[in-house]
C-alpha atoms as a PDB file:
ATOM      1  CA  UNK A   1      20.523 199.123  77.171  1.00  0.00           C
ATOM      2  CA  UNK A   2      17.065 198.031  78.722  1.00  0.00           C
ATOM      3  CA  UNK A   3      17.293 194.456  77.756  1.00  0.00           C
ATOM      4  CA  UNK A   4      20.788 194.097  79.575  1.00  0.00           C
ATOM      5  CA  UNK A   5      19.769 195.131  82.920  1.00  0.00           C
ATOM      6  CA  UNK A   6      18.855 192.698  85.709  1.00  0.00           C
ATOM      7  CA  UNK A   7      17.007 193.913  89.022  1.00  0.00           C
ATOM      8  CA  UNK A   8      14.257 192.288  89.879  1.00  0.00           C
ATOM      9  CA  UNK A   9      11.811 195.555  90.303  1.00  0.00           C
ATOM     10  CA  UNK A  10       9.527 195.141  93.464  1.00  0.00           C
ATOM     11  CA  UNK A  11       5.457 196.125  92.476  1.00  0.00           C
ATOM     12  CA  UNK A  12       5.214 198.571  94.550  1.00  0.00           C
ATOM     13  CA  UNK A  13       7.794 200.878  93.029  1.00  0.00           C
ATOM     14  CA  UNK A  14       5.986 203.921  91.247  1.00  0.00           C
ATOM     15  CA  UNK A  15       7.118 205.413  87.851  1.00  0.00           C
ATOM     16  CA  UNK A  16      10.042 208.450  88.446  1.00  0.00           C
ATOM     17  CA  UNK A  17      10.389 207.530  92.232  1.00  0.00           C
ATOM     18  CA  UNK A  18      13.763 206.109  91.894  1.00  0.00           C
ATOM     19  CA  UNK A  19      16.078 207.131  88.982  1.00  0.00           C
ATOM     20  CA  UNK A  20      19.132 207.250  87.760  1.00  0.00           C
ATOM     21  CA  UNK A  21      21.288 209.388  85.256  1.00  0.00           C
ATOM     22  CA  UNK A  22      24.313 208.150  84.046  1.00  0.00           C
ATOM     23  CA  UNK A  23      27.278 210.170  81.149  1.00  0.00           C
ATOM     24  CA  UNK A  24      28.904 207.433  79.114  1.00  0.00           C
ATOM     25  CA  UNK A  25      31.893 209.471  76.740  1.00  0.00           C
ATOM     26  CA  UNK A  26      32.332 208.161  73.405  1.00  0.00           C
ATOM     27  CA  UNK A  27      34.588 207.616  70.218  1.00  0.00           C
ATOM     28  CA  UNK A  28      33.726 208.595  66.246  1.00  0.00           C
ATOM     29  CA  UNK A  29      33.749 204.584  65.985  1.00  0.00           C
ATOM     30  CA  UNK A  30      30.911 204.580  69.572  1.00  0.00           C
ATOM     31  CA  UNK A  31      32.553 203.039  72.163  1.00  0.00           C
ATOM     32  CA  UNK A  32      32.706 203.696  74.895  1.00  0.00           C
ATOM     33  CA  UNK A  33      35.964 205.853  76.230  1.00  0.00           C
ATOM     34  CA  UNK A  34      35.939 205.020  79.654  1.00  0.00           C
ATOM     35  CA  UNK A  35      32.886 204.056  82.238  1.00  0.00           C
ATOM     36  CA  UNK A  36      30.021 204.716  82.228  1.00  0.00           C
ATOM     37  CA  UNK A  37      30.022 207.933  84.954  1.00  0.00           C
ATOM     38  CA  UNK A  38      26.848 207.475  88.040  1.00  0.00           C
ATOM     39  CA  UNK A  39      25.818 211.716  87.419  1.00  0.00           C
ATOM     40  CA  UNK A  40      22.714 210.845  89.697  1.00  0.00           C
ATOM     41  CA  UNK A  41      21.656 207.438  91.853  1.00  0.00           C
ATOM     42  CA  UNK A  42      18.552 205.895  92.188  1.00  0.00           C
ATOM     43  CA  UNK A  43      18.560 205.860  96.271  1.00  0.00           C
ATOM     44  CA  UNK A  44      19.172 202.029  94.819  1.00  0.00           C
ATOM     45  CA  UNK A  45      22.892 200.514  95.051  1.00  0.00           C
ATOM     46  CA  UNK A  46      21.263 198.058  93.344  1.00  0.00           C
ATOM     47  CA  UNK A  47      19.823 199.182  90.652  1.00  0.00           C
ATOM     48  CA  UNK A  48      22.690 201.540  89.780  1.00  0.00           C
ATOM     49  CA  UNK A  49      25.427 198.562  89.893  1.00  0.00           C
ATOM     50  CA  UNK A  50      22.401 196.584  87.187  1.00  0.00           C
ATOM     51  CA  UNK A  51      21.776 199.194  84.855  1.00  0.00           C
ATOM     52  CA  UNK A  52      26.167 200.194  84.642  1.00  0.00           C
ATOM     53  CA  UNK A  53      26.596 196.655  83.679  1.00  0.00           C
ATOM     54  CA  UNK A  54      23.864 197.076  81.213  1.00  0.00           C
ATOM     55  CA  UNK A  55      25.270 200.265  79.419  1.00  0.00           C
ATOM     56  CA  UNK A  56      29.128 199.081  79.739  1.00  0.00           C
ATOM     57  CA  UNK A  57      27.409 195.279  77.693  1.00  0.00           C
ATOM     58  CA  UNK A  58      26.114 197.992  74.683  1.00  0.00           C
ATOM     59  CA  UNK A  59      30.155 198.817  73.578  1.00  0.00           C
ATOM     60  CA  UNK A  60      30.132 200.279  70.607  1.00  0.00           C
ATOM     61  CA  UNK A  61      26.836 202.028  70.497  1.00  0.00           C
ATOM     62  CA  UNK A  62      24.481 201.931  67.164  1.00  0.00           C
ATOM     63  CA  UNK A  63      25.922 203.919  64.901  1.00  0.00           C
ATOM     64  CA  UNK A  64      23.088 207.310  64.394  1.00  0.00           C
ATOM     65  CA  UNK A  65      21.918 206.886  60.775  1.00  0.00           C
ATOM     66  CA  UNK A  66      22.167 210.229  60.214  1.00  0.00           C
ATOM     67  CA  UNK A  67      24.848 212.302  60.899  1.00  0.00           C
ATOM     68  CA  UNK A  68      27.821 212.279  63.317  1.00  0.00           C
ATOM     69  CA  UNK A  69      28.413 209.902  66.752  1.00  0.00           C
ATOM     70  CA  UNK A  70      27.146 211.951  69.642  1.00  0.00           C
ATOM     71  CA  UNK A  71      30.357 211.960  72.108  1.00  0.00           C
ATOM     72  CA  UNK A  72      28.858 212.337  75.395  1.00  0.00           C
ATOM     73  CA  UNK A  73      25.541 211.024  75.707  1.00  0.00           C
ATOM     74  CA  UNK A  74      23.699 211.636  79.758  1.00  0.00           C
ATOM     75  CA  UNK A  75      20.956 208.955  80.411  1.00  0.00           C
ATOM     76  CA  UNK A  76      18.258 207.981  82.353  1.00  0.00           C
ATOM     77  CA  UNK A  77      16.281 204.782  83.453  1.00  0.00           C
ATOM     78  CA  UNK A  78      13.506 204.217  85.785  1.00  0.00           C
ATOM     79  CA  UNK A  79      13.101 201.249  87.169  1.00  0.00           C
ATOM     80  CA  UNK A  80       9.983 200.531  86.679  1.00  0.00           C
ATOM     81  CA  UNK A  81      10.343 201.382  83.095  1.00  0.00           C
ATOM     82  CA  UNK A  82      12.228 197.979  82.879  1.00  0.00           C
ATOM     83  CA  UNK A  83       8.786 195.533  84.378  1.00  0.00           C
END
C-alpha cells in the first residue's frame, strides 16, 4: 500500500506526529468488502485521503502464504514512513 501513497511529506514532520488508522473488511478472495474505514485520522485531511486512495488501489489484497484470508485488517500509516 505504501508505494501507492502520493503525499509530499514536509521535512520538519516527525515520526508519530500524524498517524492515520484504517480498517479494511475483506472477502475470502482478498477483495475489499466495501470502502476502507478511517478509524483515527492523522490530522492531515490530504494525507488521510491519499492513504484511502492507496488502499483502494490494492484490491485484491495478496493472499497469505498459509492460512485463510483475514476478514478484517486494521492498518496504521505514518507519513514519515513514506519518505
